[in-house]
PDB file of all heavy atoms in Angstrom:
ATOM      1  N   SER A   1     -15.168  41.381   4.567  1.00  0.00           N
ATOM      2  CA  SER A   1     -14.635  40.059   4.118  1.00  0.00           C
ATOM      3  C   SER A   1     -13.804  39.251   5.172  1.00  0.00           C
ATOM      4  O   SER A   1     -13.538  38.087   4.955  1.00  0.00           O
ATOM      5  CB  SER A   1     -13.676  40.297   2.893  1.00  0.00           C
ATOM      6  OG  SER A   1     -14.436  40.653   1.764  1.00  0.00           O
ATOM      7  N   SER A   2     -13.511  39.911   6.260  1.00  0.00           N
ATOM      8  CA  SER A   2     -12.699  39.257   7.321  1.00  0.00           C
ATOM      9  C   SER A   2     -13.413  38.276   8.125  1.00  0.00           C
ATOM     10  O   SER A   2     -14.665  38.353   8.250  1.00  0.00           O
ATOM     11  CB  SER A   2     -12.016  40.294   8.267  1.00  0.00           C
ATOM     12  OG  SER A   2     -11.523  39.793   9.372  1.00  0.00           O
ATOM     13  N   ASN A   3     -12.703  37.216   8.629  1.00  0.00           N
ATOM     14  CA  ASN A   3     -13.322  36.279   9.526  1.00  0.00           C
ATOM     15  C   ASN A   3     -13.108  36.547  11.019  1.00  0.00           C
ATOM     16  O   ASN A   3     -13.190  35.801  11.869  1.00  0.00           O
ATOM     17  CB  ASN A   3     -12.812  34.857   9.287  1.00  0.00           C
ATOM     18  CG  ASN A   3     -13.173  34.335   7.896  1.00  0.00           C
ATOM     19  OD1 ASN A   3     -14.261  34.561   7.381  1.00  0.00           O
ATOM     20  ND2 ASN A   3     -12.277  33.570   7.331  1.00  0.00           N
ATOM     21  N   ASP A   4     -12.645  37.813  11.299  1.00  0.00           N
ATOM     22  CA  ASP A   4     -12.452  38.283  12.644  1.00  0.00           C
ATOM     23  C   ASP A   4     -13.728  38.494  13.368  1.00  0.00           C
ATOM     24  O   ASP A   4     -14.073  39.681  13.660  1.00  0.00           O
ATOM     25  CB  ASP A   4     -11.454  39.553  12.576  1.00  0.00           C
ATOM     26  CG  ASP A   4     -11.089  40.059  14.027  1.00  0.00           C
ATOM     27  OD1 ASP A   4     -11.147  39.283  14.892  1.00  0.00           O
ATOM     28  OD2 ASP A   4     -10.751  41.247  14.100  1.00  0.00           O
ATOM     29  N   TYR A   5     -14.545  37.479  13.595  1.00  0.00           N
ATOM     30  CA  TYR A   5     -15.946  37.646  14.036  1.00  0.00           C
ATOM     31  C   TYR A   5     -16.085  38.471  15.247  1.00  0.00           C
ATOM     32  O   TYR A   5     -17.017  39.218  15.424  1.00  0.00           O
ATOM     33  CB  TYR A   5     -16.570  36.322  14.147  1.00  0.00           C
ATOM     34  CG  TYR A   5     -16.650  35.508  12.815  1.00  0.00           C
ATOM     35  CD1 TYR A   5     -16.141  34.174  12.810  1.00  0.00           C
ATOM     36  CD2 TYR A   5     -17.072  36.113  11.679  1.00  0.00           C
ATOM     37  CE1 TYR A   5     -16.202  33.447  11.670  1.00  0.00           C
ATOM     38  CE2 TYR A   5     -17.160  35.442  10.494  1.00  0.00           C
ATOM     39  CZ  TYR A   5     -16.655  34.067  10.405  1.00  0.00           C
ATOM     40  OH  TYR A   5     -16.722  33.390   9.187  1.00  0.00           O
ATOM     41  N   LEU A   6     -15.239  38.179  16.234  1.00  0.00           N
ATOM     42  CA  LEU A   6     -15.389  38.956  17.551  1.00  0.00           C
ATOM     43  C   LEU A   6     -14.529  40.168  17.708  1.00  0.00           C
ATOM     44  O   LEU A   6     -14.593  40.811  18.717  1.00  0.00           O
ATOM     45  CB  LEU A   6     -15.100  37.992  18.728  1.00  0.00           C
ATOM     46  CG  LEU A   6     -15.945  36.695  18.863  1.00  0.00           C
ATOM     47  CD1 LEU A   6     -15.601  35.893  20.038  1.00  0.00           C
ATOM     48  CD2 LEU A   6     -17.387  37.098  18.914  1.00  0.00           C
ATOM     49  N   GLY A   7     -13.782  40.538  16.589  1.00  0.00           N
ATOM     50  CA  GLY A   7     -13.003  41.724  16.653  1.00  0.00           C
ATOM     51  C   GLY A   7     -11.788  41.644  17.605  1.00  0.00           C
ATOM     52  O   GLY A   7     -11.369  42.662  18.169  1.00  0.00           O
ATOM     53  N   LEU A   8     -11.232  40.489  17.698  1.00  0.00           N
ATOM     54  CA  LEU A   8     -10.189  40.265  18.632  1.00  0.00           C
ATOM     55  C   LEU A   8      -8.731  40.319  18.092  1.00  0.00           C
ATOM     56  O   LEU A   8      -7.775  40.296  18.818  1.00  0.00           O
ATOM     57  CB  LEU A   8     -10.308  38.854  19.402  1.00  0.00           C
ATOM     58  CG  LEU A   8     -11.487  38.628  20.345  1.00  0.00           C
ATOM     59  CD1 LEU A   8     -11.584  37.237  20.774  1.00  0.00           C
ATOM     60  CD2 LEU A   8     -11.408  39.609  21.532  1.00  0.00           C
ATOM     61  N   ALA A   9      -8.722  40.423  16.693  1.00  0.00           N
ATOM     62  CA  ALA A   9      -7.479  40.279  16.050  1.00  0.00           C
ATOM     63  C   ALA A   9      -6.408  41.408  16.532  1.00  0.00           C
ATOM     64  O   ALA A   9      -5.219  41.250  16.428  1.00  0.00           O
ATOM     65  CB  ALA A   9      -7.630  40.343  14.628  1.00  0.00           C
ATOM     66  N   ARG A  10      -6.896  42.551  16.997  1.00  0.00           N
ATOM     67  CA  ARG A  10      -6.101  43.636  17.471  1.00  0.00           C
ATOM     68  C   ARG A  10      -6.231  43.899  18.876  1.00  0.00           C
ATOM     69  O   ARG A  10      -5.896  44.990  19.372  1.00  0.00           O
ATOM     70  CB  ARG A  10      -6.292  44.906  16.574  1.00  0.00           C
ATOM     71  CG  ARG A  10      -5.743  44.779  15.178  1.00  0.00           C
ATOM     72  CD  ARG A  10      -5.892  46.081  14.425  1.00  0.00           C
ATOM     73  NE  ARG A  10      -7.226  46.258  13.974  1.00  0.00           N
ATOM     74  CZ  ARG A  10      -7.788  47.419  13.767  1.00  0.00           C
ATOM     75  NH1 ARG A  10      -7.162  48.494  13.959  1.00  0.00           N
ATOM     76  NH2 ARG A  10      -9.015  47.495  13.214  1.00  0.00           N
ATOM     77  N   HIS A  11      -6.808  42.927  19.690  1.00  0.00           N
ATOM     78  CA  HIS A  11      -6.913  43.156  21.092  1.00  0.00           C
ATOM     79  C   HIS A  11      -5.530  43.382  21.761  1.00  0.00           C
ATOM     80  O   HIS A  11      -4.708  42.546  21.608  1.00  0.00           O
ATOM     81  CB  HIS A  11      -7.719  42.005  21.680  1.00  0.00           C
ATOM     82  CG  HIS A  11      -8.318  42.326  23.006  1.00  0.00           C
ATOM     83  ND1 HIS A  11      -7.564  42.479  24.197  1.00  0.00           N
ATOM     84  CD2 HIS A  11      -9.628  42.434  23.338  1.00  0.00           C
ATOM     85  CE1 HIS A  11      -8.371  42.714  25.195  1.00  0.00           C
ATOM     86  NE2 HIS A  11      -9.634  42.756  24.730  1.00  0.00           N
ATOM     87  N   PRO A  12      -5.398  44.482  22.513  1.00  0.00           N
ATOM     88  CA  PRO A  12      -4.119  44.745  23.191  1.00  0.00           C
ATOM     89  C   PRO A  12      -3.673  43.639  24.143  1.00  0.00           C
ATOM     90  O   PRO A  12      -2.464  43.420  24.285  1.00  0.00           O
ATOM     91  CB  PRO A  12      -4.326  46.054  23.857  1.00  0.00           C
ATOM     92  CG  PRO A  12      -5.846  46.219  23.998  1.00  0.00           C
ATOM     93  CD  PRO A  12      -6.433  45.494  22.807  1.00  0.00           C
ATOM     94  N   ALA A  13      -4.576  42.915  24.814  1.00  0.00           N
ATOM     95  CA  ALA A  13      -4.184  41.861  25.740  1.00  0.00           C
ATOM     96  C   ALA A  13      -3.561  40.709  24.969  1.00  0.00           C
ATOM     97  O   ALA A  13      -2.570  40.090  25.488  1.00  0.00           O
ATOM     98  CB  ALA A  13      -5.377  41.463  26.602  1.00  0.00           C
ATOM     99  N   ILE A  14      -4.087  40.435  23.819  1.00  0.00           N
ATOM    100  CA  ILE A  14      -3.527  39.265  23.029  1.00  0.00           C
ATOM    101  C   ILE A  14      -2.178  39.647  22.524  1.00  0.00           C
ATOM    102  O   ILE A  14      -1.215  38.939  22.573  1.00  0.00           O
ATOM    103  CB  ILE A  14      -4.497  38.962  21.903  1.00  0.00           C
ATOM    104  CG1 ILE A  14      -5.827  38.398  22.449  1.00  0.00           C
ATOM    105  CG2 ILE A  14      -3.926  37.885  20.917  1.00  0.00           C
ATOM    106  CD1 ILE A  14      -6.919  38.111  21.450  1.00  0.00           C
ATOM    107  N   ALA A  15      -2.025  40.827  21.978  1.00  0.00           N
ATOM    108  CA  ALA A  15      -0.796  41.366  21.325  1.00  0.00           C
ATOM    109  C   ALA A  15       0.284  41.348  22.507  1.00  0.00           C
ATOM    110  O   ALA A  15       1.425  41.002  22.217  1.00  0.00           O
ATOM    111  CB  ALA A  15      -1.052  42.738  20.750  1.00  0.00           C
ATOM    112  N   ASP A  16      -0.139  41.906  23.695  1.00  0.00           N
ATOM    113  CA  ASP A  16       0.853  41.958  24.815  1.00  0.00           C
ATOM    114  C   ASP A  16       1.348  40.514  25.234  1.00  0.00           C
ATOM    115  O   ASP A  16       2.528  40.355  25.515  1.00  0.00           O
ATOM    116  CB  ASP A  16       0.120  42.662  26.066  1.00  0.00           C
ATOM    117  CG  ASP A  16       1.192  42.852  27.140  1.00  0.00           C
ATOM    118  OD1 ASP A  16       2.210  43.497  26.899  1.00  0.00           O
ATOM    119  OD2 ASP A  16       0.860  42.364  28.252  1.00  0.00           O
ATOM    120  N   ALA A  17       0.418  39.587  25.342  1.00  0.00           N
ATOM    121  CA  ALA A  17       0.789  38.220  25.683  1.00  0.00           C
ATOM    122  C   ALA A  17       1.729  37.631  24.678  1.00  0.00           C
ATOM    123  O   ALA A  17       2.720  36.939  25.012  1.00  0.00           O
ATOM    124  CB  ALA A  17      -0.486  37.373  25.819  1.00  0.00           C
ATOM    125  N   MET A  18       1.554  37.858  23.341  1.00  0.00           N
ATOM    126  CA  MET A  18       2.432  37.415  22.334  1.00  0.00           C
ATOM    127  C   MET A  18       3.723  38.015  22.360  1.00  0.00           C
ATOM    128  O   MET A  18       4.791  37.376  22.201  1.00  0.00           O
ATOM    129  CB  MET A  18       1.716  37.595  20.968  1.00  0.00           C
ATOM    130  CG  MET A  18       0.445  36.861  20.734  1.00  0.00           C
ATOM    131  SD  MET A  18      -0.259  37.014  19.144  1.00  0.00           S
ATOM    132  CE  MET A  18       0.877  36.074  18.149  1.00  0.00           C
ATOM    133  N   ALA A  19       3.794  39.337  22.658  1.00  0.00           N
ATOM    134  CA  ALA A  19       5.092  40.055  22.764  1.00  0.00           C
ATOM    135  C   ALA A  19       5.903  39.552  23.938  1.00  0.00           C
ATOM    136  O   ALA A  19       7.101  39.307  23.795  1.00  0.00           O
ATOM    137  CB  ALA A  19       4.811  41.535  22.832  1.00  0.00           C
ATOM    138  N   GLN A  20       5.219  39.338  25.007  1.00  0.00           N
ATOM    139  CA  GLN A  20       6.002  38.810  26.244  1.00  0.00           C
ATOM    140  C   GLN A  20       6.566  37.424  25.976  1.00  0.00           C
ATOM    141  O   GLN A  20       7.698  37.120  26.322  1.00  0.00           O
ATOM    142  CB  GLN A  20       5.125  38.829  27.468  1.00  0.00           C
ATOM    143  CG  GLN A  20       4.710  40.247  27.998  1.00  0.00           C
ATOM    144  CD  GLN A  20       3.909  40.173  29.262  1.00  0.00           C
ATOM    145  OE1 GLN A  20       4.311  39.282  30.180  1.00  0.00           O
ATOM    146  NE2 GLN A  20       2.901  41.043  29.336  1.00  0.00           N
ATOM    147  N   ALA A  21       5.699  36.616  25.325  1.00  0.00           N
ATOM    148  CA  ALA A  21       6.186  35.249  25.106  1.00  0.00           C
ATOM    149  C   ALA A  21       7.323  35.256  23.935  1.00  0.00           C
ATOM    150  O   ALA A  21       8.199  34.384  24.150  1.00  0.00           O
ATOM    151  CB  ALA A  21       5.064  34.378  24.522  1.00  0.00           C
ATOM    152  N   LEU A  22       7.234  36.181  23.058  1.00  0.00           N
ATOM    153  CA  LEU A  22       8.224  36.234  22.117  1.00  0.00           C
ATOM    154  C   LEU A  22       9.645  36.586  22.729  1.00  0.00           C
ATOM    155  O   LEU A  22      10.690  35.992  22.366  1.00  0.00           O
ATOM    156  CB  LEU A  22       7.921  37.352  21.087  1.00  0.00           C
ATOM    157  CG  LEU A  22       8.801  37.492  19.779  1.00  0.00           C
ATOM    158  CD1 LEU A  22       8.785  36.172  18.934  1.00  0.00           C
ATOM    159  CD2 LEU A  22       8.422  38.682  18.991  1.00  0.00           C
ATOM    160  N   LEU A  23       9.628  37.500  23.662  1.00  0.00           N
ATOM    161  CA  LEU A  23      10.914  37.838  24.307  1.00  0.00           C
ATOM    162  C   LEU A  23      11.342  36.780  25.260  1.00  0.00           C
ATOM    163  O   LEU A  23      12.497  36.528  25.387  1.00  0.00           O
ATOM    164  CB  LEU A  23      10.664  39.156  25.158  1.00  0.00           C
ATOM    165  CG  LEU A  23      10.385  40.375  24.327  1.00  0.00           C
ATOM    166  CD1 LEU A  23       9.976  41.655  25.205  1.00  0.00           C
ATOM    167  CD2 LEU A  23      11.655  40.787  23.424  1.00  0.00           C
ATOM    168  N   ALA A  24      10.404  36.029  25.886  1.00  0.00           N
ATOM    169  CA  ALA A  24      10.751  35.045  26.830  1.00  0.00           C
ATOM    170  C   ALA A  24      11.137  33.696  26.196  1.00  0.00           C
ATOM    171  O   ALA A  24      12.092  33.007  26.689  1.00  0.00           O
ATOM    172  CB  ALA A  24       9.612  34.814  27.832  1.00  0.00           C
ATOM    173  N   GLU A  25      10.433  33.253  25.100  1.00  0.00           N
ATOM    174  CA  GLU A  25      10.549  31.990  24.570  1.00  0.00           C
ATOM    175  C   GLU A  25      11.358  31.937  23.231  1.00  0.00           C
ATOM    176  O   GLU A  25      11.750  30.856  22.775  1.00  0.00           O
ATOM    177  CB  GLU A  25       9.261  31.256  24.426  1.00  0.00           C
ATOM    178  CG  GLU A  25       8.427  31.133  25.718  1.00  0.00           C
ATOM    179  CD  GLU A  25       8.926  29.892  26.491  1.00  0.00           C
ATOM    180  OE1 GLU A  25       9.786  29.175  25.909  1.00  0.00           O
ATOM    181  OE2 GLU A  25       8.565  29.679  27.592  1.00  0.00           O
ATOM    182  N   GLY A  26      11.453  33.132  22.595  1.00  0.00           N
ATOM    183  CA  GLY A  26      12.108  33.145  21.294  1.00  0.00           C
ATOM    184  C   GLY A  26      11.121  33.104  20.198  1.00  0.00           C
ATOM    185  O   GLY A  26       9.853  32.951  20.345  1.00  0.00           O
ATOM    186  N   ALA A  27      11.612  33.142  18.941  1.00  0.00           N
ATOM    187  CA  ALA A  27      10.733  33.283  17.781  1.00  0.00           C
ATOM    188  C   ALA A  27      10.056  31.924  17.409  1.00  0.00           C
ATOM    189  O   ALA A  27       8.993  31.901  16.883  1.00  0.00           O
ATOM    190  CB  ALA A  27      11.500  33.740  16.508  1.00  0.00           C
ATOM    191  N   GLY A  28      10.809  30.835  17.616  1.00  0.00           N
ATOM    192  CA  GLY A  28      10.206  29.565  17.132  1.00  0.00           C
ATOM    193  C   GLY A  28      10.438  28.473  18.149  1.00  0.00           C
ATOM    194  O   GLY A  28      11.162  28.627  19.069  1.00  0.00           O
ATOM    195  N   SER A  29       9.663  27.308  17.964  1.00  0.00           N
ATOM    196  CA  SER A  29       9.820  26.224  18.893  1.00  0.00           C
ATOM    197  C   SER A  29      11.007  25.324  18.591  1.00  0.00           C
ATOM    198  O   SER A  29      11.347  24.634  19.464  1.00  0.00           O
ATOM    199  CB  SER A  29       8.444  25.410  18.803  1.00  0.00           C
ATOM    200  OG  SER A  29       8.353  24.850  17.524  1.00  0.00           O
ATOM    201  N   GLY A  30      11.503  25.347  17.348  1.00  0.00           N
ATOM    202  CA  GLY A  30      12.689  24.662  17.014  1.00  0.00           C
ATOM    203  C   GLY A  30      12.555  23.226  16.621  1.00  0.00           C
ATOM    204  O   GLY A  30      13.448  22.656  16.093  1.00  0.00           O
ATOM    205  N   ALA A  31      11.472  22.618  16.829  1.00  0.00           N
ATOM    206  CA  ALA A  31      11.321  21.217  16.470  1.00  0.00           C
ATOM    207  C   ALA A  31       9.830  20.769  16.586  1.00  0.00           C
ATOM    208  O   ALA A  31       8.947  21.582  17.038  1.00  0.00           O
ATOM    209  CB  ALA A  31      12.063  20.267  17.489  1.00  0.00           C
ATOM    210  N   SER A  32       9.451  19.645  16.165  1.00  0.00           N
ATOM    211  CA  SER A  32       8.128  19.077  16.304  1.00  0.00           C
ATOM    212  C   SER A  32       7.898  18.806  17.800  1.00  0.00           C
ATOM    213  O   SER A  32       8.829  18.703  18.569  1.00  0.00           O
ATOM    214  CB  SER A  32       7.866  17.813  15.433  1.00  0.00           C
ATOM    215  OG  SER A  32       8.557  16.764  16.078  1.00  0.00           O
ATOM    216  N   ARG A  33       6.639  18.618  18.143  1.00  0.00           N
ATOM    217  CA  ARG A  33       6.318  18.399  19.541  1.00  0.00           C
ATOM    218  C   ARG A  33       6.903  17.065  19.986  1.00  0.00           C
ATOM    219  O   ARG A  33       6.986  16.888  21.233  1.00  0.00           O
ATOM    220  CB  ARG A  33       4.839  18.562  19.766  1.00  0.00           C
ATOM    221  CG  ARG A  33       4.348  20.033  19.682  1.00  0.00           C
ATOM    222  CD  ARG A  33       2.838  20.167  19.918  1.00  0.00           C
ATOM    223  NE  ARG A  33       2.683  19.914  21.407  1.00  0.00           N
ATOM    224  CZ  ARG A  33       1.343  19.964  21.814  1.00  0.00           C
ATOM    225  NH1 ARG A  33       0.386  20.148  20.959  1.00  0.00           N
ATOM    226  NH2 ARG A  33       1.246  19.786  23.119  1.00  0.00           N
ATOM    227  N   LEU A  34       6.979  16.083  19.141  1.00  0.00           N
ATOM    228  CA  LEU A  34       7.433  14.777  19.453  1.00  0.00           C
ATOM    229  C   LEU A  34       8.936  14.707  19.651  1.00  0.00           C
ATOM    230  O   LEU A  34       9.558  13.781  20.056  1.00  0.00           O
ATOM    231  CB  LEU A  34       7.008  13.834  18.426  1.00  0.00           C
ATOM    232  CG  LEU A  34       5.525  13.439  18.619  1.00  0.00           C
ATOM    233  CD1 LEU A  34       5.090  12.580  17.364  1.00  0.00           C
ATOM    234  CD2 LEU A  34       5.177  12.791  19.950  1.00  0.00           C
ATOM    235  N   ILE A  35       9.679  15.847  19.278  1.00  0.00           N
ATOM    236  CA  ILE A  35      11.116  15.913  19.456  1.00  0.00           C
ATOM    237  C   ILE A  35      11.356  16.739  20.619  1.00  0.00           C
ATOM    238  O   ILE A  35      11.378  16.333  21.732  1.00  0.00           O
ATOM    239  CB  ILE A  35      11.719  16.428  18.110  1.00  0.00           C
ATOM    240  CG1 ILE A  35      11.290  15.640  16.919  1.00  0.00           C
ATOM    241  CG2 ILE A  35      13.249  16.478  18.248  1.00  0.00           C
ATOM    242  CD1 ILE A  35      11.572  14.127  16.893  1.00  0.00           C
ATOM    243  N   THR A  36      11.653  18.011  20.487  1.00  0.00           N
ATOM    244  CA  THR A  36      11.936  18.918  21.625  1.00  0.00           C
ATOM    245  C   THR A  36      11.098  20.183  21.597  1.00  0.00           C
ATOM    246  O   THR A  36      11.379  21.162  22.314  1.00  0.00           O
ATOM    247  CB  THR A  36      13.466  19.257  21.643  1.00  0.00           C
ATOM    248  OG1 THR A  36      13.751  20.066  20.504  1.00  0.00           O
ATOM    249  CG2 THR A  36      14.330  18.109  21.871  1.00  0.00           C
ATOM    250  N   GLY A  37      10.035  20.190  20.752  1.00  0.00           N
ATOM    251  CA  GLY A  37       9.290  21.412  20.603  1.00  0.00           C
ATOM    252  C   GLY A  37       7.973  21.539  21.464  1.00  0.00           C
ATOM    253  O   GLY A  37       7.329  22.530  21.451  1.00  0.00           O
ATOM    254  N   ASN A  38       7.886  20.585  22.357  1.00  0.00           N
ATOM    255  CA  ASN A  38       6.679  20.573  23.223  1.00  0.00           C
ATOM    256  C   ASN A  38       6.997  21.345  24.487  1.00  0.00           C
ATOM    257  O   ASN A  38       7.385  20.800  25.512  1.00  0.00           O
ATOM    258  CB  ASN A  38       6.214  19.136  23.585  1.00  0.00           C
ATOM    259  CG  ASN A  38       4.863  19.110  24.176  1.00  0.00           C
ATOM    260  OD1 ASN A  38       3.986  19.874  23.837  1.00  0.00           O
ATOM    261  ND2 ASN A  38       4.729  18.175  25.171  1.00  0.00           N
ATOM    262  N   ARG A  39       6.600  22.644  24.476  1.00  0.00           N
ATOM    263  CA  ARG A  39       6.847  23.539  25.625  1.00  0.00           C
ATOM    264  C   ARG A  39       5.768  23.465  26.559  1.00  0.00           C
ATOM    265  O   ARG A  39       4.679  23.085  26.188  1.00  0.00           O
ATOM    266  CB  ARG A  39       7.167  24.983  25.173  1.00  0.00           C
ATOM    267  CG  ARG A  39       8.095  25.077  24.013  1.00  0.00           C
ATOM    268  CD  ARG A  39       9.540  24.938  24.398  1.00  0.00           C
ATOM    269  NE  ARG A  39      10.397  25.015  23.303  1.00  0.00           N
ATOM    270  CZ  ARG A  39      10.811  26.257  22.777  1.00  0.00           C
ATOM    271  NH1 ARG A  39      10.457  27.321  23.342  1.00  0.00           N
ATOM    272  NH2 ARG A  39      11.635  26.274  21.713  1.00  0.00           N
TER     273      ARG A  39
END
């Protein structure tokens, strides 16, 4: 039933990239992109 067509949802490279960004950038962007959220 899943739409994970290429089987990438648990790819370790994607998870690692997200984990690194979480530590470096924080949990949220804090605003809309037209305010201060456009990183």
